[in-house]
Protein backbone atom coordinates (compact mmCIF):
# COMPACT_ATOMS: atom_id res chain seq x y z
CA UNK A 1 130.00 66.09 147.20
CA UNK A 2 129.98 64.00 144.02
CA UNK A 3 126.35 64.97 143.46
CA UNK A 4 127.28 68.67 143.68
CA UNK A 5 130.06 68.16 141.15
CA UNK A 6 127.69 66.40 138.77
CA UNK A 7 125.15 69.18 139.09
CA UNK A 8 127.84 71.81 138.53
CA UNK A 9 129.08 69.93 135.46
CA UNK A 10 125.59 69.67 134.00
CA UNK A 11 124.94 73.35 134.71
CA UNK A 12 128.24 74.36 133.06
CA UNK A 13 127.53 72.17 130.05
CA UNK A 14 124.05 73.62 129.59
CA UNK A 15 125.32 77.19 129.89
CA UNK A 16 128.07 76.49 127.38
CA UNK A 17 125.58 75.07 124.91
CA UNK A 18 123.33 78.09 125.40
CA UNK A 19 126.22 80.48 124.76
CA UNK A 20 127.18 78.59 121.60
CA UNK A 21 123.55 78.55 120.44
CA UNK A 22 123.09 82.27 121.10
CA UNK A 23 126.29 83.13 119.27
CA UNK A 24 125.30 80.98 116.32
CA UNK A 25 121.80 82.47 116.34
CA UNK A 26 123.13 86.06 116.30
CA UNK A 27 125.53 85.20 113.50
CA UNK A 28 122.95 83.48 111.34
CA UNK A 29 120.16 85.97 112.00
CA UNK A 30 121.77 88.47 109.65
CA UNK A 31 121.10 86.20 106.66
CA UNK A 32 117.74 86.59 104.88
CA UNK A 33 117.11 82.86 104.53
CA UNK A 34 117.51 82.36 108.26
CA UNK A 35 115.09 85.22 108.96
CA UNK A 36 112.45 83.42 106.93
CA UNK A 37 113.16 80.10 108.71
CA UNK A 38 113.14 81.82 112.10
CA UNK A 39 109.76 83.43 111.47
CA UNK A 40 108.29 80.14 110.31
CA UNK A 41 109.65 78.30 113.36
CA UNK A 42 108.32 80.93 115.74
CA UNK A 43 104.87 80.81 114.20
CA UNK A 44 104.79 77.02 114.37
CA UNK A 45 106.47 76.35 117.73
CA UNK A 46 104.88 79.29 119.55
CA UNK A 47 101.54 79.74 117.78
CA UNK A 48 100.13 81.53 120.82
CA UNK A 49 102.67 84.35 120.46
CA UNK A 50 101.11 87.08 118.30
CA UNK A 51 103.57 88.09 115.62
CA UNK A 52 103.95 91.83 114.87
CA UNK A 53 101.24 92.56 112.35
CA UNK A 54 102.39 92.67 108.72
CA UNK A 55 106.07 93.13 109.45
CA UNK A 56 107.54 89.60 109.52
CA UNK A 57 108.25 87.55 106.43
CA UNK A 58 105.62 85.06 107.51
CA UNK A 59 103.18 87.91 108.05
CA UNK A 60 103.67 89.01 104.47
CA UNK A 61 103.51 85.48 103.11
CA UNK A 62 100.22 84.90 104.85
CA UNK A 63 98.77 87.89 103.03
CA UNK A 64 99.33 86.54 99.54
CA UNK A 65 96.60 84.69 97.70
CA UNK A 66 98.92 81.80 96.99
CA UNK A 67 98.05 80.19 93.68
CA UNK A 68 97.94 76.44 94.16
CA UNK A 69 96.14 75.24 91.05
CA UNK A 70 98.69 76.53 88.54
CA UNK A 71 102.41 77.30 88.56
CA UNK A 72 102.65 81.09 88.20
CA UNK A 73 106.42 81.06 87.74
CA UNK A 74 106.08 78.79 84.72
CA UNK A 75 103.29 80.97 83.33
CA UNK A 76 105.47 84.06 83.65
CA UNK A 77 108.23 82.15 81.87
CA UNK A 78 105.82 81.30 79.05
CA UNK A 79 106.03 77.55 79.65
CA UNK A 80 103.99 75.97 76.85
CA UNK A 81 102.84 72.93 78.86
CA UNK A 82 101.76 75.02 81.86
CA UNK A 83 99.92 77.46 79.59
CA UNK A 84 97.95 74.67 77.94
CA UNK A 85 97.21 73.08 81.30
CA UNK A 86 95.90 76.42 82.61
CA UNK A 87 93.75 77.09 79.56
CA UNK A 88 92.23 73.63 80.00
CA UNK A 89 91.59 74.28 83.70
CA UNK A 90 89.89 77.59 82.91
CA UNK A 91 87.25 75.76 80.86
CA UNK A 92 85.66 74.48 84.07
CA UNK A 93 87.22 76.56 86.87
CA UNK A 94 84.88 79.13 88.43
CA UNK A 95 86.51 81.58 90.87
CA UNK A 96 84.46 82.57 93.88
CA UNK A 97 84.66 86.26 94.76
CA UNK A 98 83.83 87.93 98.04
CA UNK A 99 80.38 89.42 97.51
CA UNK A 100 79.39 93.00 98.32
CA UNK A 101 77.19 91.86 101.20
CA UNK A 102 80.03 89.72 102.56
CA UNK A 103 82.30 92.78 102.58
CA UNK A 104 79.67 94.74 104.49
CA UNK A 105 79.49 91.94 107.05
CA UNK A 106 83.28 91.43 107.26
CA UNK A 107 83.98 95.10 107.93
CA UNK A 108 81.76 95.21 110.99
CA UNK A 109 84.94 94.11 112.77
CA UNK A 110 87.72 96.12 111.17
CA UNK A 111 90.51 94.34 113.06
CA UNK A 112 89.24 91.00 111.83
CA UNK A 113 88.83 92.32 108.27
CA UNK A 114 92.36 93.75 108.11
CA UNK A 115 93.82 90.54 109.51
CA UNK A 116 91.87 88.18 107.27
CA UNK A 117 92.47 90.20 104.11
CA UNK A 118 96.14 90.68 104.91
CA UNK A 119 96.64 94.44 104.74
CA UNK A 120 100.18 95.69 105.25
CA UNK A 121 99.84 98.03 108.19
CA UNK A 122 103.45 99.26 108.47
CA UNK A 123 105.64 101.28 106.14
CA UNK A 124 108.18 98.43 105.69
CA UNK A 125 111.08 100.83 105.01
CA UNK A 126 112.21 104.29 106.06
CA UNK A 127 112.39 105.49 102.47
CA UNK A 128 108.69 104.64 101.98
CA UNK A 129 107.67 106.12 105.31
CA UNK A 130 109.16 109.50 104.45
CA UNK A 131 107.74 109.59 100.91
CA UNK A 132 103.94 109.29 101.18
CA UNK A 133 101.86 108.95 98.02
CA UNK A 134 98.29 109.96 97.17
CA UNK A 135 96.00 107.74 95.11
CA UNK A 136 92.58 108.17 93.58
CA UNK A 137 90.51 105.23 92.41
CA UNK A 138 87.49 105.62 90.14
CA UNK A 139 85.15 102.63 90.24
CA UNK A 140 81.49 101.73 89.74
CA UNK A 141 81.34 97.92 90.04
CA UNK A 142 83.33 94.83 91.09
CA UNK A 143 84.09 95.68 94.71
CA UNK A 144 86.08 92.45 94.94
CA UNK A 145 88.48 93.59 92.24
CA UNK A 146 88.75 97.14 93.61
CA UNK A 147 89.42 95.85 97.13
CA UNK A 148 92.21 93.59 95.90
CA UNK A 149 93.77 96.63 94.22
CA UNK A 150 93.46 98.64 97.43
CA UNK A 151 95.01 95.81 99.44
CA UNK A 152 98.03 95.72 97.14
CA UNK A 153 98.74 99.47 97.13
CA UNK A 154 97.76 100.15 100.74
CA UNK A 155 100.41 101.50 103.12
CA UNK A 156 99.63 103.48 106.29
CA UNK A 157 101.71 106.51 105.29
CA UNK A 158 99.80 107.00 102.00
CA UNK A 159 96.31 108.39 101.42
CA UNK A 160 93.54 107.06 99.21
CA UNK A 161 90.43 108.66 97.70
CA UNK A 162 87.80 106.35 96.21
CA UNK A 163 85.28 107.83 93.82
CA UNK A 164 82.27 105.53 93.59
CA UNK A 165 80.18 106.37 90.57
CA UNK A 166 76.93 107.99 91.61
CA UNK A 167 74.98 105.51 89.48
CA UNK A 168 76.66 102.49 91.11
CA UNK A 169 74.45 99.90 92.78
CA UNK A 170 73.58 100.50 96.44
CA UNK A 171 75.50 97.40 97.60
CA UNK A 172 78.62 98.63 95.77
CA UNK A 173 78.42 102.01 97.51
CA UNK A 174 77.76 100.45 100.91
CA UNK A 175 80.54 97.89 100.56
CA UNK A 176 83.18 100.45 99.52
CA UNK A 177 82.06 102.84 102.26
CA UNK A 178 82.34 100.04 104.82
CA UNK A 179 85.82 99.10 103.60
CA UNK A 180 87.00 102.72 103.71
CA UNK A 181 85.68 103.12 107.25
CA UNK A 182 88.26 100.59 108.48
CA UNK A 183 91.14 102.97 107.66
CA UNK A 184 92.15 106.44 108.78
CA UNK A 185 93.69 107.20 105.38
CA UNK A 186 91.07 105.78 102.98
CA UNK A 187 87.91 107.76 102.23
CA UNK A 188 85.09 108.11 99.74
CA UNK A 189 85.26 111.31 97.66
CA UNK A 190 83.23 114.14 99.15
CA UNK A 191 81.59 114.93 95.81
CA UNK A 192 80.45 112.06 93.58
CA UNK A 193 79.57 112.25 89.90
CA UNK A 194 77.58 110.21 87.43
CA UNK A 195 80.59 109.36 85.27
CA UNK A 196 80.08 108.87 81.54
CA UNK A 197 83.05 108.03 79.34
CA UNK A 198 84.05 110.78 76.92
CA UNK A 199 82.46 113.57 78.95
CA UNK A 200 83.73 116.15 81.44
CA UNK A 201 82.36 113.96 84.25
CA UNK A 202 85.48 111.76 84.15
CA UNK A 203 87.65 114.81 84.75
CA UNK A 204 85.27 116.09 87.43
CA UNK A 205 85.62 112.83 89.37
CA UNK A 206 89.42 113.03 89.22
CA UNK A 207 89.48 116.66 90.32
CA UNK A 208 87.07 115.88 93.16
CA UNK A 209 89.57 113.41 94.60
CA UNK A 210 92.47 115.76 94.00
CA UNK A 211 90.81 118.47 96.09
CA UNK A 212 90.07 116.06 98.91
CA UNK A 213 93.58 114.63 98.89
CA UNK A 214 95.12 118.10 99.09
CA UNK A 215 92.85 118.99 102.01
CA UNK A 216 93.18 115.82 104.03
CA UNK A 217 96.93 115.14 103.87
CA UNK A 218 99.54 117.87 103.92
CA UNK A 219 102.72 116.01 103.04
CA UNK A 220 102.15 113.53 100.22
CA UNK A 221 104.66 113.89 97.39
CA UNK A 222 103.03 112.44 94.27
CA UNK A 223 99.52 111.76 93.00
CA UNK A 224 98.60 108.61 91.03
CA UNK A 225 95.14 108.09 89.55
CA UNK A 226 93.71 104.60 89.16
CA UNK A 227 90.58 102.81 88.07
CA UNK A 228 89.16 99.71 89.72
CA UNK A 229 90.22 97.56 86.74
CA UNK A 230 93.97 98.02 87.12
CA UNK A 231 96.78 96.48 89.14
CA UNK A 232 100.33 97.60 89.98
CA UNK A 233 103.42 96.15 88.33
CA UNK A 234 105.67 98.09 90.72
CA UNK A 235 105.63 97.68 94.50
CA UNK A 236 105.26 100.71 96.78
CA UNK A 237 109.01 100.56 97.47
CA UNK A 238 109.76 100.55 93.73
CA UNK A 239 107.34 103.43 93.13
CA UNK A 240 109.08 105.53 95.74
CA UNK A 241 112.54 104.71 94.37
CA UNK A 242 111.41 105.74 90.86
CA UNK A 243 109.69 108.93 92.03
CA UNK A 244 112.80 109.95 93.93
CA UNK A 245 114.60 109.71 90.60
CA UNK A 246 111.84 111.74 88.95
CA UNK A 247 112.54 114.48 91.51
CA UNK A 248 109.30 116.32 90.77
CA UNK A 249 108.95 115.42 87.09
CA UNK A 250 105.40 114.63 86.00
CA UNK A 251 104.79 111.39 84.11
CA UNK A 252 101.96 112.69 81.89
CA UNK A 253 101.75 111.76 78.25
CA UNK A 254 101.27 114.49 75.67
CA UNK A 255 101.26 113.98 71.92
CA UNK A 256 101.63 116.20 68.84
CA UNK A 257 98.66 118.44 68.17
CA UNK A 258 98.16 118.08 64.39
CA UNK A 259 96.86 114.51 64.60
CA UNK A 260 94.15 115.43 67.12
CA UNK A 261 92.83 118.77 65.87
CA UNK A 262 89.30 117.38 65.65
CA UNK A 263 89.25 116.83 69.43
CA UNK A 264 89.14 120.58 70.16
CA UNK A 265 88.06 122.05 66.83
CA UNK A 266 84.64 122.96 68.23
CA UNK A 267 85.89 124.39 71.52
CA UNK A 268 87.10 127.75 70.23
CA UNK A 269 90.45 129.40 70.89
CA UNK A 270 92.22 128.02 73.99
CA UNK A 271 92.70 130.60 76.76
CA UNK A 272 96.02 132.15 77.78
CA UNK A 273 97.77 131.14 74.56
CA UNK A 274 97.65 127.48 75.54
CA UNK A 275 98.67 124.91 72.94
CA UNK A 276 96.34 121.88 73.19
CA UNK A 277 97.80 118.43 73.69
CA UNK A 278 96.32 114.93 73.54
CA UNK A 279 97.41 112.09 75.81
CA UNK A 280 96.14 109.51 78.26
CA UNK A 281 94.00 110.08 81.32
CA UNK A 282 96.50 108.20 83.51
CA UNK A 283 98.98 110.45 85.30
CA UNK A 284 101.66 110.68 87.96
CA UNK A 285 102.03 114.26 89.13
CA UNK A 286 103.85 116.04 91.94
CA UNK A 287 101.85 117.82 94.63
CA UNK A 288 102.64 121.34 93.39
CA UNK A 289 101.28 120.51 89.94
CA UNK A 290 98.11 118.98 91.39
CA UNK A 291 97.61 122.08 93.54
CA UNK A 292 97.99 124.22 90.39
CA UNK A 293 95.36 122.15 88.55
CA UNK A 294 92.87 122.53 91.38
CA UNK A 295 93.44 126.07 92.60
CA UNK A 296 95.01 128.19 89.86
CA UNK A 297 92.83 130.58 87.80
CA UNK A 298 94.60 129.72 84.53
CA UNK A 299 93.96 126.03 85.13
CA UNK A 300 90.30 126.81 85.84
CA UNK A 301 90.02 128.72 82.55
CA UNK A 302 91.58 125.82 80.65
CA UNK A 303 89.21 123.41 82.41
CA UNK A 304 86.21 125.49 81.30
CA UNK A 305 87.51 125.46 77.71
CA UNK A 306 88.10 121.70 77.94
CA UNK A 307 84.39 121.13 78.63
CA UNK A 308 83.72 121.69 74.93
CA UNK A 309 86.39 119.29 73.66
CA UNK A 310 86.01 115.61 72.80
CA UNK A 311 87.11 113.30 75.65
CA UNK A 312 88.25 116.12 77.99
CA UNK A 313 90.15 113.89 80.43
CA UNK A 314 92.63 113.05 77.63
CA UNK A 315 93.27 116.75 77.00
CA UNK A 316 93.23 118.74 80.26
CA UNK A 317 96.07 117.08 82.23
CA UNK A 318 98.16 116.67 79.10
CA UNK A 319 97.74 120.23 77.89
CA UNK A 320 98.58 121.62 81.31
CA UNK A 321 101.75 119.52 81.57
CA UNK A 322 103.09 120.40 78.11
CA UNK A 323 102.74 124.18 78.14
CA UNK A 324 105.95 124.99 79.96
CA UNK A 325 105.42 128.76 79.74
CA UNK A 326 103.17 128.31 82.78
CA UNK A 327 106.31 127.57 84.79
CA UNK A 328 104.81 124.93 87.06
CA UNK A 329 107.19 122.54 88.80
CA UNK A 330 107.38 119.18 87.07
CA UNK A 331 106.12 120.26 83.64
CA UNK A 332 107.86 118.94 80.53
CA UNK A 333 110.16 121.62 79.14
CA UNK A 334 111.96 119.77 76.37
CA UNK A 335 112.29 120.71 72.71
CA UNK A 336 111.94 117.10 71.54
CA UNK A 337 108.31 116.33 70.65
CA UNK A 338 106.84 114.02 73.29
CA UNK A 339 105.66 110.54 72.36
CA UNK A 340 104.14 107.53 74.09
CA UNK A 341 107.44 105.70 74.47
CA UNK A 342 108.65 108.36 76.89
CA UNK A 343 106.23 107.46 79.67
CA UNK A 344 105.87 104.76 82.30
CA UNK A 345 102.60 105.42 84.12
CA UNK A 346 100.59 102.69 82.31
CA UNK A 347 100.73 99.79 79.97
CA UNK A 348 97.46 99.90 78.06
CA UNK A 349 97.22 98.20 74.69
CA UNK A 350 94.79 99.47 72.09
CA UNK A 351 94.17 96.83 69.47
CA UNK A 352 91.41 95.27 67.40
CA UNK A 353 92.94 91.83 66.94
CA UNK A 354 94.45 89.20 69.20
CA UNK A 355 98.07 88.33 68.55
CA UNK A 356 101.54 89.38 69.58
CA UNK A 357 100.34 92.36 71.64
CA UNK A 358 97.27 90.81 73.28
CA UNK A 359 96.50 87.21 74.24
CA UNK A 360 93.38 87.85 76.29
CA UNK A 361 90.25 89.42 74.83
CA UNK A 362 89.37 92.78 73.35
CA UNK A 363 86.76 95.13 74.79
CA UNK A 364 86.03 98.31 72.82
CA UNK A 365 89.51 98.28 71.34
CA UNK A 366 91.36 97.74 74.65
CA UNK A 367 93.22 94.54 75.49
CA UNK A 368 91.87 92.71 78.51
CA UNK A 369 95.00 90.90 79.62
CA UNK A 370 94.97 87.12 80.01
CA UNK A 371 97.41 84.46 81.15
CA UNK A 372 99.12 84.53 77.77
CA UNK A 373 100.18 88.11 78.52
CA UNK A 374 101.96 87.28 81.79
CA UNK A 375 105.43 86.91 80.17
CA UNK A 376 105.04 90.40 78.68
CA UNK A 377 103.75 91.97 81.89
CA UNK A 378 106.67 90.57 83.88
CA UNK A 379 109.18 92.40 81.67
CA UNK A 380 107.43 95.76 81.36
CA UNK A 381 108.76 98.87 83.11
CA UNK A 382 105.41 100.64 83.57
CA UNK A 383 103.90 101.28 86.98
CA UNK A 384 100.35 99.97 86.40
CA UNK A 385 98.70 97.69 83.88
CA UNK A 386 95.28 98.44 82.43
CA UNK A 387 93.17 96.51 82.17
CA UNK A 388 91.83 93.17 83.32
CA UNK A 389 88.64 91.62 84.64
CA UNK A 390 88.90 89.39 87.69
CA UNK A 391 86.45 86.87 86.21
CA UNK A 392 88.23 86.59 82.84
CA UNK A 393 91.10 84.10 83.05
CA UNK A 394 91.26 84.80 86.77
CA UNK A 395 94.74 83.36 87.19
CA UNK A 396 96.07 86.47 85.44
CA UNK A 397 95.24 88.61 88.47
CA UNK A 398 96.12 85.80 90.90
CA UNK A 399 99.62 85.38 89.47
CA UNK A 400 100.34 89.12 89.20
CA UNK A 401 99.19 89.49 92.79
CA UNK A 402 101.40 86.63 93.95
CA UNK A 403 104.43 88.13 92.18
CA UNK A 404 103.67 91.55 93.65
CA UNK A 405 103.59 90.33 97.24
CA UNK A 406 106.56 88.02 96.80
CA UNK A 407 108.56 90.99 95.52
CA UNK A 408 107.38 93.10 98.46
CA UNK A 409 108.50 90.38 100.84
CA UNK A 410 111.92 90.02 99.20
CA UNK A 411 112.49 93.77 99.25
CA UNK A 412 111.59 93.91 102.94
CA UNK A 413 114.01 91.07 103.69
CA UNK A 414 116.79 92.81 101.77
CA UNK A 415 117.32 89.99 99.28
CA UNK A 416 116.01 91.99 96.32
CA UNK A 417 116.54 95.60 95.27
CA UNK A 418 115.35 97.66 92.33
CA UNK A 419 117.34 99.23 89.50
CA UNK A 420 116.05 102.67 88.49
CA UNK A 421 118.46 103.34 85.60
CA UNK A 422 115.85 103.07 82.83
CA UNK A 423 113.79 105.81 84.51
CA UNK A 424 116.76 108.12 85.02
CA UNK A 425 117.18 108.58 81.26
CA UNK A 426 113.56 109.51 80.49
CA UNK A 427 113.29 112.80 78.61
CA UNK A 428 110.56 114.16 80.87
CA UNK A 429 112.92 113.64 83.82
CA UNK A 430 115.81 115.32 82.06
CA UNK A 431 113.71 118.22 80.75
CA UNK A 432 111.52 119.19 83.66
CA UNK A 433 110.80 122.53 85.24
CA UNK A 434 112.39 122.64 88.69
């Protein structure tokens, strides 16, 4: 009898403790910090339990190239001691990339490749899932750098076209083709060009991807063109939040014509009463506008005229966006002359001397960002920064990548959100064709 009472007492005590524990667990689980702790505990205590791929905080953390040799936070803060320490380290530090042949070998098992490289294979939020994006990427070398860019921007609801320069090395083509084969929504452009800067071939490569993206995916909302030597400053969640504010507006730079008359002086009179515009080759454009560029007869006539201009890819998109009489959704329709400060698609610094605007190195007048530029990059509002080389002051890419994935994690956990107010006041958003 006494033994039964003891057993009953023990049973009651255990059940009471379990109820208290469950109640406490449910209460605490709503806090972000406890979610992180819970995921860590689960992965350590029950390592044999496969966590849902890419959806837990730990899953995201495991996908970051954590930077152990330097303190990225201090570098972003411009800490003088950490900067000097990093510069000293870079004198002897040699980063080891994944080679093209290693990528070809790794992608023989796509599941293993995706797991090892840490691709995010879920949408992470409903707002992202219902707002798919289309990307093109033009590249001809450095598969390692291009793949790290793809890994950062990849989400399963988006679609990606990679244009590999026709003159690229065979290993580069094979490696990128092998990587693309591991995804349903990543593909190599159906028509490849031998791309030469300053010629119509740059524009041809972009339009090739645009056509494929329109054909292969029927519901993407915005198009963003990239090169393999760029990296995002905004997460996918932040991009979507901004583009929802844009509400169809195109983010395509277009400058006054008088300064650039020489660019089209030898091309003859533009067709259809078009007023030429000069801008950058980097664009964010809504789907209707991209469809117009690819399929409309007027756009085709302007393209044919553009062939005879100097650096056509800096004229075609920009001219088409800033001739509002065409009446295409998203075009700029304002009376205020457009200028570079209006736009957010890229930060790209043209300079011929190192100093306040560039702390890296200069290649043909363009700043190749280095670790000294990290404080600036952290504060900028642009979507993408251009450009960098993975093997020049490699911690620049490492730290930007770490910040990018940490921000993605914090957004997923609900402990960080994004303020879009600066984008809401942009003139091209206010004065857009609906």
